[in-house]
PDB file of N, CA and C in Angstrom:
ATOM      1  N   UNK A   1     123.709  99.025  92.713  1.00  0.00           N
ATOM      2  CA  UNK A   1     123.526  97.746  92.074  1.00  0.00           C
ATOM      3  C   UNK A   1     123.522  97.975  90.567  1.00  0.00           C
ATOM      4  N   UNK A   2     124.603  97.633  89.926  1.00  0.00           N
ATOM      5  CA  UNK A   2     124.724  97.870  88.497  1.00  0.00           C
ATOM      6  C   UNK A   2     124.274  96.690  87.665  1.00  0.00           C
ATOM      7  N   UNK A   3     124.235  95.496  88.274  1.00  0.00           N
ATOM      8  CA  UNK A   3     123.830  94.297  87.546  1.00  0.00           C
ATOM      9  C   UNK A   3     122.609  93.683  88.219  1.00  0.00           C
ATOM     10  N   UNK A   4     121.814  93.012  87.425  1.00  0.00           N
ATOM     11  CA  UNK A   4     120.658  92.312  87.946  1.00  0.00           C
ATOM     12  C   UNK A   4     121.033  90.846  88.131  1.00  0.00           C
ATOM     13  N   UNK A   5     121.190  90.447  89.373  1.00  0.00           N
ATOM     14  CA  UNK A   5     121.588  89.082  89.696  1.00  0.00           C
ATOM     15  C   UNK A   5     120.379  88.352  90.280  1.00  0.00           C
ATOM     16  N   UNK A   6     119.891  87.295  89.622  1.00  0.00           N
ATOM     17  CA  UNK A   6     118.720  86.580  90.139  1.00  0.00           C
ATOM     18  C   UNK A   6     118.941  85.980  91.526  1.00  0.00           C
ATOM     19  N   UNK A   7     120.173  85.679  91.865  1.00  0.00           N
ATOM     20  CA  UNK A   7     120.460  85.120  93.181  1.00  0.00           C
ATOM     21  C   UNK A   7     120.148  86.124  94.294  1.00  0.00           C
ATOM     22  N   UNK A   8     120.257  87.397  94.001  1.00  0.00           N
ATOM     23  CA  UNK A   8     119.918  88.433  94.979  1.00  0.00           C
ATOM     24  C   UNK A   8     118.440  88.324  95.366  1.00  0.00           C
ATOM     25  N   UNK A   9     117.558  88.094  94.363  1.00  0.00           N
ATOM     26  CA  UNK A   9     116.139  87.952  94.656  1.00  0.00           C
ATOM     27  C   UNK A   9     115.881  86.737  95.550  1.00  0.00           C
ATOM     28  N   UNK A  10     116.625  85.654  95.312  1.00  0.00           N
ATOM     29  CA  UNK A  10     116.489  84.465  96.157  1.00  0.00           C
ATOM     30  C   UNK A  10     116.822  84.808  97.614  1.00  0.00           C
ATOM     31  N   UNK A  11     117.920  85.519  97.826  1.00  0.00           N
ATOM     32  CA  UNK A  11     118.319  85.876  99.184  1.00  0.00           C
ATOM     33  C   UNK A  11     117.328  86.834  99.826  1.00  0.00           C
ATOM     34  N   UNK A  12     116.786  87.745  99.045  1.00  0.00           N
ATOM     35  CA  UNK A  12     115.800  88.683  99.591  1.00  0.00           C
ATOM     36  C   UNK A  12     114.532  87.937  99.982  1.00  0.00           C
ATOM     37  N   UNK A  13     114.062  87.012  99.128  1.00  0.00           N
ATOM     38  CA  UNK A  13     112.882  86.215  99.480  1.00  0.00           C
ATOM     39  C   UNK A  13     113.152  85.363 100.717  1.00  0.00           C
ATOM     40  N   UNK A  14     114.345  84.815 100.824  1.00  0.00           N
ATOM     41  CA  UNK A  14     114.682  84.007 101.990  1.00  0.00           C
ATOM     42  C   UNK A  14     114.710  84.874 103.241  1.00  0.00           C
ATOM     43  N   UNK A  15     115.188  86.080 103.133  1.00  0.00           N
ATOM     44  CA  UNK A  15     115.204  86.994 104.267  1.00  0.00           C
ATOM     45  C   UNK A  15     113.790  87.426 104.641  1.00  0.00           C
ATOM     46  N   UNK A  16     112.957  87.666 103.631  1.00  0.00           N
ATOM     47  CA  UNK A  16     111.600  88.137 103.894  1.00  0.00           C
ATOM     48  C   UNK A  16     110.732  87.034 104.489  1.00  0.00           C
ATOM     49  N   UNK A  17     110.819  85.829 103.971  1.00  0.00           N
ATOM     50  CA  UNK A  17     109.915  84.757 104.381  1.00  0.00           C
ATOM     51  C   UNK A  17     110.501  83.834 105.434  1.00  0.00           C
ATOM     52  N   UNK A  18     111.792  83.743 105.501  1.00  0.00           N
ATOM     53  CA  UNK A  18     112.412  82.755 106.368  1.00  0.00           C
ATOM     54  C   UNK A  18     112.541  81.447 105.602  1.00  0.00           C
ATOM     55  N   UNK A  19     113.515  80.657 105.955  1.00  0.00           N
ATOM     56  CA  UNK A  19     113.795  79.432 105.205  1.00  0.00           C
ATOM     57  C   UNK A  19     112.652  78.417 105.251  1.00  0.00           C
ATOM     58  N   UNK A  20     112.037  78.130 106.421  1.00  0.00           N
ATOM     59  CA  UNK A  20     110.979  77.097 106.423  1.00  0.00           C
ATOM     60  C   UNK A  20     109.770  77.482 105.567  1.00  0.00           C
ATOM     61  N   UNK A  21     109.310  78.712 105.675  1.00  0.00           N
ATOM     62  CA  UNK A  21     108.149  79.141 104.894  1.00  0.00           C
ATOM     63  C   UNK A  21     108.466  79.186 103.405  1.00  0.00           C
ATOM     64  N   UNK A  22     109.668  79.594 103.062  1.00  0.00           N
ATOM     65  CA  UNK A  22     110.059  79.636 101.659  1.00  0.00           C
ATOM     66  C   UNK A  22     110.044  78.238 101.050  1.00  0.00           C
ATOM     67  N   UNK A  23     110.603  77.254 101.764  1.00  0.00           N
ATOM     68  CA  UNK A  23     110.614  75.887 101.237  1.00  0.00           C
ATOM     69  C   UNK A  23     109.213  75.297 101.198  1.00  0.00           C
ATOM     70  N   UNK A  24     108.374  75.627 102.167  1.00  0.00           N
ATOM     71  CA  UNK A  24     106.986  75.169 102.142  1.00  0.00           C
ATOM     72  C   UNK A  24     106.262  75.717 100.910  1.00  0.00           C
ATOM     73  N   UNK A  25     106.489  76.986 100.607  1.00  0.00           N
ATOM     74  CA  UNK A  25     105.873  77.579  99.419  1.00  0.00           C
ATOM     75  C   UNK A  25     106.403  76.951  98.135  1.00  0.00           C
ATOM     76  N   UNK A  26     107.677  76.640  98.101  1.00  0.00           N
ATOM     77  CA  UNK A  26     108.248  76.006  96.908  1.00  0.00           C
ATOM     78  C   UNK A  26     107.638  74.618  96.700  1.00  0.00           C
ATOM     79  N   UNK A  27     107.471  73.856  97.781  1.00  0.00           N
ATOM     80  CA  UNK A  27     106.843  72.539  97.675  1.00  0.00           C
ATOM     81  C   UNK A  27     105.394  72.672  97.236  1.00  0.00           C
ATOM     82  N   UNK A  28     104.675  73.666  97.779  1.00  0.00           N
ATOM     83  CA  UNK A  28     103.287  73.902  97.375  1.00  0.00           C
ATOM     84  C   UNK A  28     103.194  74.286  95.903  1.00  0.00           C
ATOM     85  N   UNK A  29     104.107  75.106  95.444  1.00  0.00           N
ATOM     86  CA  UNK A  29     104.116  75.512  94.039  1.00  0.00           C
ATOM     87  C   UNK A  29     104.387  74.312  93.134  1.00  0.00           C
ATOM     88  N   UNK A  30     105.380  73.513  93.488  1.00  0.00           N
ATOM     89  CA  UNK A  30     105.717  72.350  92.650  1.00  0.00           C
ATOM     90  C   UNK A  30     104.576  71.340  92.632  1.00  0.00           C
ATOM     91  N   UNK A  31     103.997  71.037  93.790  1.00  0.00           N
ATOM     92  CA  UNK A  31     102.893  70.084  93.849  1.00  0.00           C
ATOM     93  C   UNK A  31     101.648  70.584  93.131  1.00  0.00           C
ATOM     94  N   UNK A  32     101.341  71.868  93.311  1.00  0.00           N
ATOM     95  CA  UNK A  32     100.181  72.452  92.634  1.00  0.00           C
ATOM     96  C   UNK A  32     100.351  72.480  91.129  1.00  0.00           C
ATOM     97  N   UNK A  33     101.555  72.773  90.680  1.00  0.00           N
ATOM     98  CA  UNK A  33     101.817  72.797  89.239  1.00  0.00           C
ATOM     99  C   UNK A  33     101.700  71.409  88.632  1.00  0.00           C
ATOM    100  N   UNK A  34     102.237  70.413  89.318  1.00  0.00           N
ATOM    101  CA  UNK A  34     102.116  69.040  88.817  1.00  0.00           C
ATOM    102  C   UNK A  34     100.657  68.584  88.787  1.00  0.00           C
ATOM    103  N   UNK A  35      99.890  68.917  89.824  1.00  0.00           N
ATOM    104  CA  UNK A  35      98.470  68.546  89.852  1.00  0.00           C
ATOM    105  C   UNK A  35      97.709  69.260  88.735  1.00  0.00           C
ATOM    106  N   UNK A  36      98.067  70.526  88.470  1.00  0.00           N
ATOM    107  CA  UNK A  36      97.430  71.289  87.392  1.00  0.00           C
ATOM    108  C   UNK A  36      97.745  70.666  86.034  1.00  0.00           C
ATOM    109  N   UNK A  37      99.000  70.325  85.816  1.00  0.00           N
ATOM    110  CA  UNK A  37      99.378  69.713  84.536  1.00  0.00           C
ATOM    111  C   UNK A  37      98.708  68.356  84.354  1.00  0.00           C
ATOM    112  N   UNK A  38      98.597  67.575  85.421  1.00  0.00           N
ATOM    113  CA  UNK A  38      97.921  66.290  85.338  1.00  0.00           C
ATOM    114  C   UNK A  38      96.444  66.482  85.016  1.00  0.00           C
ATOM    115  N   UNK A  39      95.808  67.502  85.617  1.00  0.00           N
ATOM    116  CA  UNK A  39      94.399  67.794  85.317  1.00  0.00           C
ATOM    117  C   UNK A  39      94.227  68.202  83.858  1.00  0.00           C
ATOM    118  N   UNK A  40      95.131  69.030  83.354  1.00  0.00           N
ATOM    119  CA  UNK A  40      95.057  69.422  81.945  1.00  0.00           C
ATOM    120  C   UNK A  40      95.243  68.215  81.031  1.00  0.00           C
ATOM    121  N   UNK A  41      96.145  67.333  81.384  1.00  0.00           N
ATOM    122  CA  UNK A  41      96.362  66.125  80.595  1.00  0.00           C
ATOM    123  C   UNK A  41      95.114  65.243  80.614  1.00  0.00           C
ATOM    124  N   UNK A  42      94.479  65.180  81.769  1.00  0.00           N
ATOM    125  CA  UNK A  42      93.296  64.345  81.934  1.00  0.00           C
ATOM    126  C   UNK A  42      92.087  64.904  81.178  1.00  0.00           C
ATOM    127  N   UNK A  43      91.868  66.220  81.289  1.00  0.00           N
ATOM    128  CA  UNK A  43      90.689  66.833  80.663  1.00  0.00           C
ATOM    129  C   UNK A  43      90.940  67.235  79.217  1.00  0.00           C
ATOM    130  N   UNK A  44      92.162  67.472  78.861  1.00  0.00           N
ATOM    131  CA  UNK A  44      92.580  67.888  77.520  1.00  0.00           C
ATOM    132  C   UNK A  44      91.993  69.233  77.076  1.00  0.00           C
ATOM    133  N   UNK A  45      91.556  70.036  78.016  1.00  0.00           N
ATOM    134  CA  UNK A  45      91.032  71.363  77.705  1.00  0.00           C
ATOM    135  C   UNK A  45      91.038  72.221  78.962  1.00  0.00           C
ATOM    136  N   UNK A  46      90.890  73.523  78.770  1.00  0.00           N
ATOM    137  CA  UNK A  46      90.724  74.437  79.898  1.00  0.00           C
ATOM    138  C   UNK A  46      89.265  74.846  79.918  1.00  0.00           C
ATOM    139  N   UNK A  47      88.622  74.683  81.053  1.00  0.00           N
ATOM    140  CA  UNK A  47      87.212  75.034  81.214  1.00  0.00           C
ATOM    141  C   UNK A  47      87.140  76.529  81.534  1.00  0.00           C
ATOM    142  N   UNK A  48      86.494  77.295  80.640  1.00  0.00           N
ATOM    143  CA  UNK A  48      86.482  78.752  80.751  1.00  0.00           C
ATOM    144  C   UNK A  48      85.816  79.232  82.038  1.00  0.00           C
ATOM    145  N   UNK A  49      84.697  78.648  82.403  1.00  0.00           N
ATOM    146  CA  UNK A  49      83.980  79.084  83.612  1.00  0.00           C
ATOM    147  C   UNK A  49      84.835  78.860  84.860  1.00  0.00           C
ATOM    148  N   UNK A  50      85.486  77.722  84.901  1.00  0.00           N
ATOM    149  CA  UNK A  50      86.356  77.420  86.035  1.00  0.00           C
ATOM    150  C   UNK A  50      87.544  78.380  86.080  1.00  0.00           C
ATOM    151  N   UNK A  51      88.082  78.727  84.905  1.00  0.00           N
ATOM    152  CA  UNK A  51      89.234  79.623  84.853  1.00  0.00           C
ATOM    153  C   UNK A  51      88.867  81.034  85.320  1.00  0.00           C
ATOM    154  N   UNK A  52      87.680  81.515  84.943  1.00  0.00           N
ATOM    155  CA  UNK A  52      87.255  82.852  85.375  1.00  0.00           C
ATOM    156  C   UNK A  52      87.119  82.902  86.890  1.00  0.00           C
ATOM    157  N   UNK A  53      86.516  81.863  87.460  1.00  0.00           N
ATOM    158  CA  UNK A  53      86.402  81.811  88.914  1.00  0.00           C
ATOM    159  C   UNK A  53      87.757  81.739  89.587  1.00  0.00           C
ATOM    160  N   UNK A  54      88.662  80.978  89.013  1.00  0.00           N
ATOM    161  CA  UNK A  54      90.004  80.854  89.576  1.00  0.00           C
ATOM    162  C   UNK A  54      90.769  82.177  89.489  1.00  0.00           C
ATOM    163  N   UNK A  55      90.543  82.943  88.432  1.00  0.00           N
ATOM    164  CA  UNK A  55      91.203  84.241  88.310  1.00  0.00           C
ATOM    165  C   UNK A  55      90.690  85.233  89.343  1.00  0.00           C
ATOM    166  N   UNK A  56      89.404  85.157  89.648  1.00  0.00           N
ATOM    167  CA  UNK A  56      88.856  86.023  90.701  1.00  0.00           C
ATOM    168  C   UNK A  56      89.470  85.669  92.050  1.00  0.00           C
ATOM    169  N   UNK A  57      89.617  84.385  92.304  1.00  0.00           N
ATOM    170  CA  UNK A  57      90.257  83.945  93.540  1.00  0.00           C
ATOM    171  C   UNK A  57      91.736  84.348  93.530  1.00  0.00           C
ATOM    172  N   UNK A  58      92.337  84.364  92.349  1.00  0.00           N
ATOM    173  CA  UNK A  58      93.744  84.737  92.222  1.00  0.00           C
ATOM    174  C   UNK A  58      94.026  86.161  92.663  1.00  0.00           C
ATOM    175  N   UNK A  59      93.103  87.073  92.413  1.00  0.00           N
ATOM    176  CA  UNK A  59      93.296  88.455  92.876  1.00  0.00           C
ATOM    177  C   UNK A  59      93.342  88.509  94.398  1.00  0.00           C
ATOM    178  N   UNK A  60      92.483  87.741  95.037  1.00  0.00           N
ATOM    179  CA  UNK A  60      92.505  87.677  96.496  1.00  0.00           C
ATOM    180  C   UNK A  60      93.801  87.032  96.983  1.00  0.00           C
ATOM    181  N   UNK A  61      94.271  86.031  96.249  1.00  0.00           N
ATOM    182  CA  UNK A  61      95.528  85.383  96.608  1.00  0.00           C
ATOM    183  C   UNK A  61      96.719  86.322  96.502  1.00  0.00           C
ATOM    184  N   UNK A  62      96.705  87.196  95.500  1.00  0.00           N
ATOM    185  CA  UNK A  62      97.777  88.182  95.375  1.00  0.00           C
ATOM    186  C   UNK A  62      97.783  89.157  96.541  1.00  0.00           C
ATOM    187  N   UNK A  63      96.598  89.605  96.939  1.00  0.00           N
ATOM    188  CA  UNK A  63      96.504  90.504  98.087  1.00  0.00           C
ATOM    189  C   UNK A  63      96.923  89.786  99.370  1.00  0.00           C
ATOM    190  N   UNK A  64      96.522  88.526  99.508  1.00  0.00           N
ATOM    191  CA  UNK A  64      96.909  87.750 100.681  1.00  0.00           C
ATOM    192  C   UNK A  64      98.421  87.541 100.718  1.00  0.00           C
ATOM    193  N   UNK A  65      99.037  87.357  99.566  1.00  0.00           N
ATOM    194  CA  UNK A  65     100.493  87.210  99.514  1.00  0.00           C
ATOM    195  C   UNK A  65     101.184  88.477 100.027  1.00  0.00           C
ATOM    196  N   UNK A  66     100.629  89.637  99.708  1.00  0.00           N
ATOM    197  CA  UNK A  66     101.209  90.887 100.215  1.00  0.00           C
ATOM    198  C   UNK A  66     101.037  90.997 101.724  1.00  0.00           C
ATOM    199  N   UNK A  67      99.884  90.561 102.229  1.00  0.00           N
ATOM    200  CA  UNK A  67      99.655  90.604 103.673  1.00  0.00           C
ATOM    201  C   UNK A  67     100.632  89.673 104.387  1.00  0.00           C
ATOM    202  N   UNK A  68     100.797  88.462 103.851  1.00  0.00           N
ATOM    203  CA  UNK A  68     101.735  87.509 104.462  1.00  0.00           C
ATOM    204  C   UNK A  68     103.148  88.070 104.407  1.00  0.00           C
ATOM    205  N   UNK A  69     103.522  88.683 103.283  1.00  0.00           N
ATOM    206  CA  UNK A  69     104.850  89.259 103.165  1.00  0.00           C
ATOM    207  C   UNK A  69     105.062  90.351 104.209  1.00  0.00           C
ATOM    208  N   UNK A  70     104.054  91.200 104.421  1.00  0.00           N
ATOM    209  CA  UNK A  70     104.190  92.282 105.394  1.00  0.00           C
ATOM    210  C   UNK A  70     104.266  91.740 106.823  1.00  0.00           C
ATOM    211  N   UNK A  71     103.567  90.639 107.088  1.00  0.00           N
ATOM    212  CA  UNK A  71     103.574  90.069 108.446  1.00  0.00           C
ATOM    213  C   UNK A  71     104.873  89.344 108.772  1.00  0.00           C
ATOM    214  N   UNK A  72     105.421  88.605 107.826  1.00  0.00           N
ATOM    215  CA  UNK A  72     106.597  87.784 108.128  1.00  0.00           C
ATOM    216  C   UNK A  72     107.913  88.525 107.942  1.00  0.00           C
ATOM    217  N   UNK A  73     107.896  89.637 107.234  1.00  0.00           N
ATOM    218  CA  UNK A  73     109.153  90.358 107.021  1.00  0.00           C
ATOM    219  C   UNK A  73     109.357  91.373 108.139  1.00  0.00           C
ATOM    220  N   UNK A  74     110.573  91.805 108.291  1.00  0.00           N
ATOM    221  CA  UNK A  74     110.884  92.777 109.333  1.00  0.00           C
ATOM    222  C   UNK A  74     110.623  94.207 108.868  1.00  0.00           C
ATOM    223  N   UNK A  75     110.267  94.383 107.613  1.00  0.00           N
ATOM    224  CA  UNK A  75     109.985  95.714 107.090  1.00  0.00           C
ATOM    225  C   UNK A  75     108.595  95.734 106.467  1.00  0.00           C
ATOM    226  N   UNK A  76     108.056  96.922 106.328  1.00  0.00           N
ATOM    227  CA  UNK A  76     106.725  97.079 105.745  1.00  0.00           C
ATOM    228  C   UNK A  76     106.802  97.755 104.387  1.00  0.00           C
ATOM    229  N   UNK A  77     105.639  98.127 103.876  1.00  0.00           N
ATOM    230  CA  UNK A  77     105.600  98.762 102.558  1.00  0.00           C
ATOM    231  C   UNK A  77     106.178 100.170 102.602  1.00  0.00           C
ATOM    232  N   UNK A  78     106.124 100.821 103.744  1.00  0.00           N
ATOM    233  CA  UNK A  78     106.665 102.178 103.842  1.00  0.00           C
ATOM    234  C   UNK A  78     108.192 102.177 103.830  1.00  0.00           C
ATOM    235  N   UNK A  79     108.798 101.016 104.086  1.00  0.00           N
ATOM    236  CA  UNK A  79     110.256 100.916 104.077  1.00  0.00           C
ATOM    237  C   UNK A  79     110.825 100.661 102.684  1.00  0.00           C
ATOM    238  N   UNK A  80     109.969 100.413 101.715  1.00  0.00           N
ATOM    239  CA  UNK A  80     110.449 100.154 100.351  1.00  0.00           C
ATOM    240  C   UNK A  80     111.004 101.448  99.776  1.00  0.00           C
ATOM    241  N   UNK A  81     112.282 101.411  99.444  1.00  0.00           N
ATOM    242  CA  UNK A  81     112.914 102.637  99.003  1.00  0.00           C
ATOM    243  C   UNK A  81     113.307 102.647  97.541  1.00  0.00           C
ATOM    244  N   UNK A  82     113.855 101.578  97.067  1.00  0.00           N
ATOM    245  CA  UNK A  82     114.379 101.563  95.710  1.00  0.00           C
ATOM    246  C   UNK A  82     113.510 100.776  94.762  1.00  0.00           C
ATOM    247  N   UNK A  83     113.873 100.830  93.500  1.00  0.00           N
ATOM    248  CA  UNK A  83     113.112 100.104  92.489  1.00  0.00           C
ATOM    249  C   UNK A  83     113.110  98.591  92.706  1.00  0.00           C
ATOM    250  N   UNK A  84     114.197  98.039  93.257  1.00  0.00           N
ATOM    251  CA  UNK A  84     114.240  96.594  93.496  1.00  0.00           C
ATOM    252  C   UNK A  84     113.209  96.195  94.542  1.00  0.00           C
ATOM    253  N   UNK A  85     113.008  97.027  95.551  1.00  0.00           N
ATOM    254  CA  UNK A  85     112.001  96.740  96.572  1.00  0.00           C
ATOM    255  C   UNK A  85     110.598  96.723  95.961  1.00  0.00           C
ATOM    256  N   UNK A  86     110.307  97.720  95.156  1.00  0.00           N
ATOM    257  CA  UNK A  86     108.969  97.787  94.549  1.00  0.00           C
ATOM    258  C   UNK A  86     108.776  96.679  93.524  1.00  0.00           C
ATOM    259  N   UNK A  87     109.853  96.309  92.848  1.00  0.00           N
ATOM    260  CA  UNK A  87     109.768  95.191  91.913  1.00  0.00           C
ATOM    261  C   UNK A  87     109.446  93.896  92.660  1.00  0.00           C
ATOM    262  N   UNK A  88     110.078  93.680  93.807  1.00  0.00           N
ATOM    263  CA  UNK A  88     109.799  92.480  94.592  1.00  0.00           C
ATOM    264  C   UNK A  88     108.379  92.492  95.149  1.00  0.00           C
ATOM    265  N   UNK A  89     107.875  93.648  95.540  1.00  0.00           N
ATOM    266  CA  UNK A  89     106.496  93.743  96.021  1.00  0.00           C
ATOM    267  C   UNK A  89     105.529  93.380  94.897  1.00  0.00           C
ATOM    268  N   UNK A  90     105.778  93.914  93.706  1.00  0.00           N
ATOM    269  CA  UNK A  90     104.928  93.567  92.554  1.00  0.00           C
ATOM    270  C   UNK A  90     105.075  92.091  92.204  1.00  0.00           C
ATOM    271  N   UNK A  91     106.278  91.560  92.319  1.00  0.00           N
ATOM    272  CA  UNK A  91     106.518  90.147  92.036  1.00  0.00           C
ATOM    273  C   UNK A  91     105.791  89.248  93.035  1.00  0.00           C
ATOM    274  N   UNK A  92     105.767  89.642  94.297  1.00  0.00           N
ATOM    275  CA  UNK A  92     105.045  88.875  95.319  1.00  0.00           C
ATOM    276  C   UNK A  92     103.556  88.860  95.000  1.00  0.00           C
ATOM    277  N   UNK A  93     102.991  90.019  94.634  1.00  0.00           N
ATOM    278  CA  UNK A  93     101.582  90.048  94.275  1.00  0.00           C
ATOM    279  C   UNK A  93     101.309  89.187  93.045  1.00  0.00           C
ATOM    280  N   UNK A  94     102.135  89.333  92.031  1.00  0.00           N
ATOM    281  CA  UNK A  94     101.933  88.571  90.793  1.00  0.00           C
ATOM    282  C   UNK A  94     102.053  87.072  91.003  1.00  0.00           C
ATOM    283  N   UNK A  95     103.075  86.649  91.736  1.00  0.00           N
ATOM    284  CA  UNK A  95     103.244  85.221  91.990  1.00  0.00           C
ATOM    285  C   UNK A  95     102.127  84.678  92.881  1.00  0.00           C
ATOM    286  N   UNK A  96     101.688  85.481  93.837  1.00  0.00           N
ATOM    287  CA  UNK A  96     100.564  85.056  94.672  1.00  0.00           C
ATOM    288  C   UNK A  96      99.287  84.912  93.867  1.00  0.00           C
ATOM    289  N   UNK A  97      99.065  85.847  92.947  1.00  0.00           N
ATOM    290  CA  UNK A  97      97.861  85.791  92.109  1.00  0.00           C
ATOM    291  C   UNK A  97      97.908  84.603  91.154  1.00  0.00           C
ATOM    292  N   UNK A  98      99.030  84.409  90.498  1.00  0.00           N
ATOM    293  CA  UNK A  98      99.152  83.288  89.551  1.00  0.00           C
ATOM    294  C   UNK A  98      99.077  81.951  90.289  1.00  0.00           C
ATOM    295  N   UNK A  99      99.774  81.847  91.395  1.00  0.00           N
ATOM    296  CA  UNK A  99      99.762  80.601  92.158  1.00  0.00           C
ATOM    297  C   UNK A  99      98.382  80.256  92.679  1.00  0.00           C
ATOM    298  N   UNK A 100      97.676  81.244  93.192  1.00  0.00           N
ATOM    299  CA  UNK A 100      96.324  80.998  93.695  1.00  0.00           C
ATOM    300  C   UNK A 100      95.377  80.664  92.557  1.00  0.00           C
ATOM    301  N   UNK A 101      95.563  81.280  91.407  1.00  0.00           N
ATOM    302  CA  UNK A 101      94.728  80.951  90.245  1.00  0.00           C
ATOM    303  C   UNK A 101      94.933  79.500  89.831  1.00  0.00           C
ATOM    304  N   UNK A 102      96.172  79.078  89.744  1.00  0.00           N
ATOM    305  CA  UNK A 102      96.464  77.697  89.350  1.00  0.00           C
ATOM    306  C   UNK A 102      95.909  76.717  90.379  1.00  0.00           C
ATOM    307  N   UNK A 103      96.136  77.002  91.667  1.00  0.00           N
ATOM    308  CA  UNK A 103      95.636  76.108  92.707  1.00  0.00           C
ATOM    309  C   UNK A 103      94.112  76.098  92.757  1.00  0.00           C
ATOM    310  N   UNK A 104      93.495  77.270  92.598  1.00  0.00           N
ATOM    311  CA  UNK A 104      92.033  77.339  92.591  1.00  0.00           C
ATOM    312  C   UNK A 104      91.437  76.566  91.427  1.00  0.00           C
ATOM    313  N   UNK A 105      92.022  76.712  90.256  1.00  0.00           N
ATOM    314  CA  UNK A 105      91.548  75.975  89.084  1.00  0.00           C
ATOM    315  C   UNK A 105      91.713  74.475  89.290  1.00  0.00           C
ATOM    316  N   UNK A 106      92.845  74.089  89.854  1.00  0.00           N
ATOM    317  CA  UNK A 106      93.115  72.668  90.065  1.00  0.00           C
ATOM    318  C   UNK A 106      92.156  72.064  91.080  1.00  0.00           C
ATOM    319  N   UNK A 107      91.955  72.743  92.193  1.00  0.00           N
ATOM    320  CA  UNK A 107      91.038  72.227  93.221  1.00  0.00           C
ATOM    321  C   UNK A 107      89.624  72.139  92.669  1.00  0.00           C
ATOM    322  N   UNK A 108      89.182  73.183  91.970  1.00  0.00           N
ATOM    323  CA  UNK A 108      87.841  73.152  91.377  1.00  0.00           C
ATOM    324  C   UNK A 108      87.732  72.049  90.334  1.00  0.00           C
ATOM    325  N   UNK A 109      88.795  71.811  89.606  1.00  0.00           N
ATOM    326  CA  UNK A 109      88.784  70.765  88.591  1.00  0.00           C
ATOM    327  C   UNK A 109      88.668  69.378  89.187  1.00  0.00           C
ATOM    328  N   UNK A 110      89.359  69.144  90.279  1.00  0.00           N
ATOM    329  CA  UNK A 110      89.278  67.827  90.907  1.00  0.00           C
ATOM    330  C   UNK A 110      87.982  67.648  91.688  1.00  0.00           C
ATOM    331  N   UNK A 111      87.387  68.741  92.144  1.00  0.00           N
ATOM    332  CA  UNK A 111      86.111  68.639  92.856  1.00  0.00           C
ATOM    333  C   UNK A 111      84.955  68.355  91.903  1.00  0.00           C
ATOM    334  N   UNK A 112      85.018  68.906  90.713  1.00  0.00           N
ATOM    335  CA  UNK A 112      83.946  68.744  89.723  1.00  0.00           C
ATOM    336  C   UNK A 112      84.473  68.120  88.445  1.00  0.00           C
ATOM    337  N   UNK A 113      85.294  67.122  88.562  1.00  0.00           N
ATOM    338  CA  UNK A 113      85.949  66.543  87.405  1.00  0.00           C
ATOM    339  C   UNK A 113      84.958  65.747  86.562  1.00  0.00           C
ATOM    340  N   UNK A 114      84.749  66.218  85.356  1.00  0.00           N
ATOM    341  CA  UNK A 114      83.959  65.486  84.354  1.00  0.00           C
ATOM    342  C   UNK A 114      84.925  65.116  83.242  1.00  0.00           C
ATOM    343  N   UNK A 115      85.847  64.269  83.588  1.00  0.00           N
ATOM    344  CA  UNK A 115      86.916  63.914  82.661  1.00  0.00           C
ATOM    345  C   UNK A 115      86.380  63.013  81.562  1.00  0.00           C
ATOM    346  N   UNK A 116      86.701  63.314  80.306  1.00  0.00           N
ATOM    347  CA  UNK A 116      86.245  62.439  79.215  1.00  0.00           C
ATOM    348  C   UNK A 116      86.967  61.112  79.281  1.00  0.00           C
ATOM    349  N   UNK A 117      86.233  60.080  79.056  1.00  0.00           N
ATOM    350  CA  UNK A 117      86.826  58.734  79.052  1.00  0.00           C
ATOM    351  C   UNK A 117      87.363  58.437  77.652  1.00  0.00           C
ATOM    352  N   UNK A 118      88.379  57.646  77.625  1.00  0.00           N
ATOM    353  CA  UNK A 118      88.978  57.264  76.343  1.00  0.00           C
ATOM    354  C   UNK A 118      87.993  56.383  75.572  1.00  0.00           C
ATOM    355  N   UNK A 119      87.845  56.659  74.318  1.00  0.00           N
ATOM    356  CA  UNK A 119      86.927  55.866  73.481  1.00  0.00           C
ATOM    357  C   UNK A 119      87.535  54.489  73.243  1.00  0.00           C
ATOM    358  N   UNK A 120      86.702  53.499  73.379  1.00  0.00           N
ATOM    359  CA  UNK A 120      87.166  52.130  73.133  1.00  0.00           C
ATOM    360  C   UNK A 120      87.079  51.804  71.654  1.00  0.00           C
ATOM    361  N   UNK A 121      88.105  51.205  71.137  1.00  0.00           N
ATOM    362  CA  UNK A 121      88.141  50.906  69.701  1.00  0.00           C
ATOM    363  C   UNK A 121      87.440  49.613  69.385  1.00  0.00           C
TER     364      UNK A 121
END
């Protein structure tokens, strides 16, 4: 592989997860991101305590993403041979951690929302 083609990663993820699970994750990512952006727009700040808790949950989410990847794929971690395989494993952990952090922050934000009200003129 002399060139890095992003479409190759798409096909590898589709092979690893299967089409239904991949699309479910894409919908979850898009919905979670929109809910996170709406929460940020509503609160106009990032709450540090909530973010620290969400980051701790994010580490567990990254590990869970690796477990799900190992369960749904036809190969395991011992089958990873080349740099592209290890890059995808690291990418799965990173995306799982970031995604879980965003979702954890968003859920915690909506559960304990102390949104400032607009001042009346």
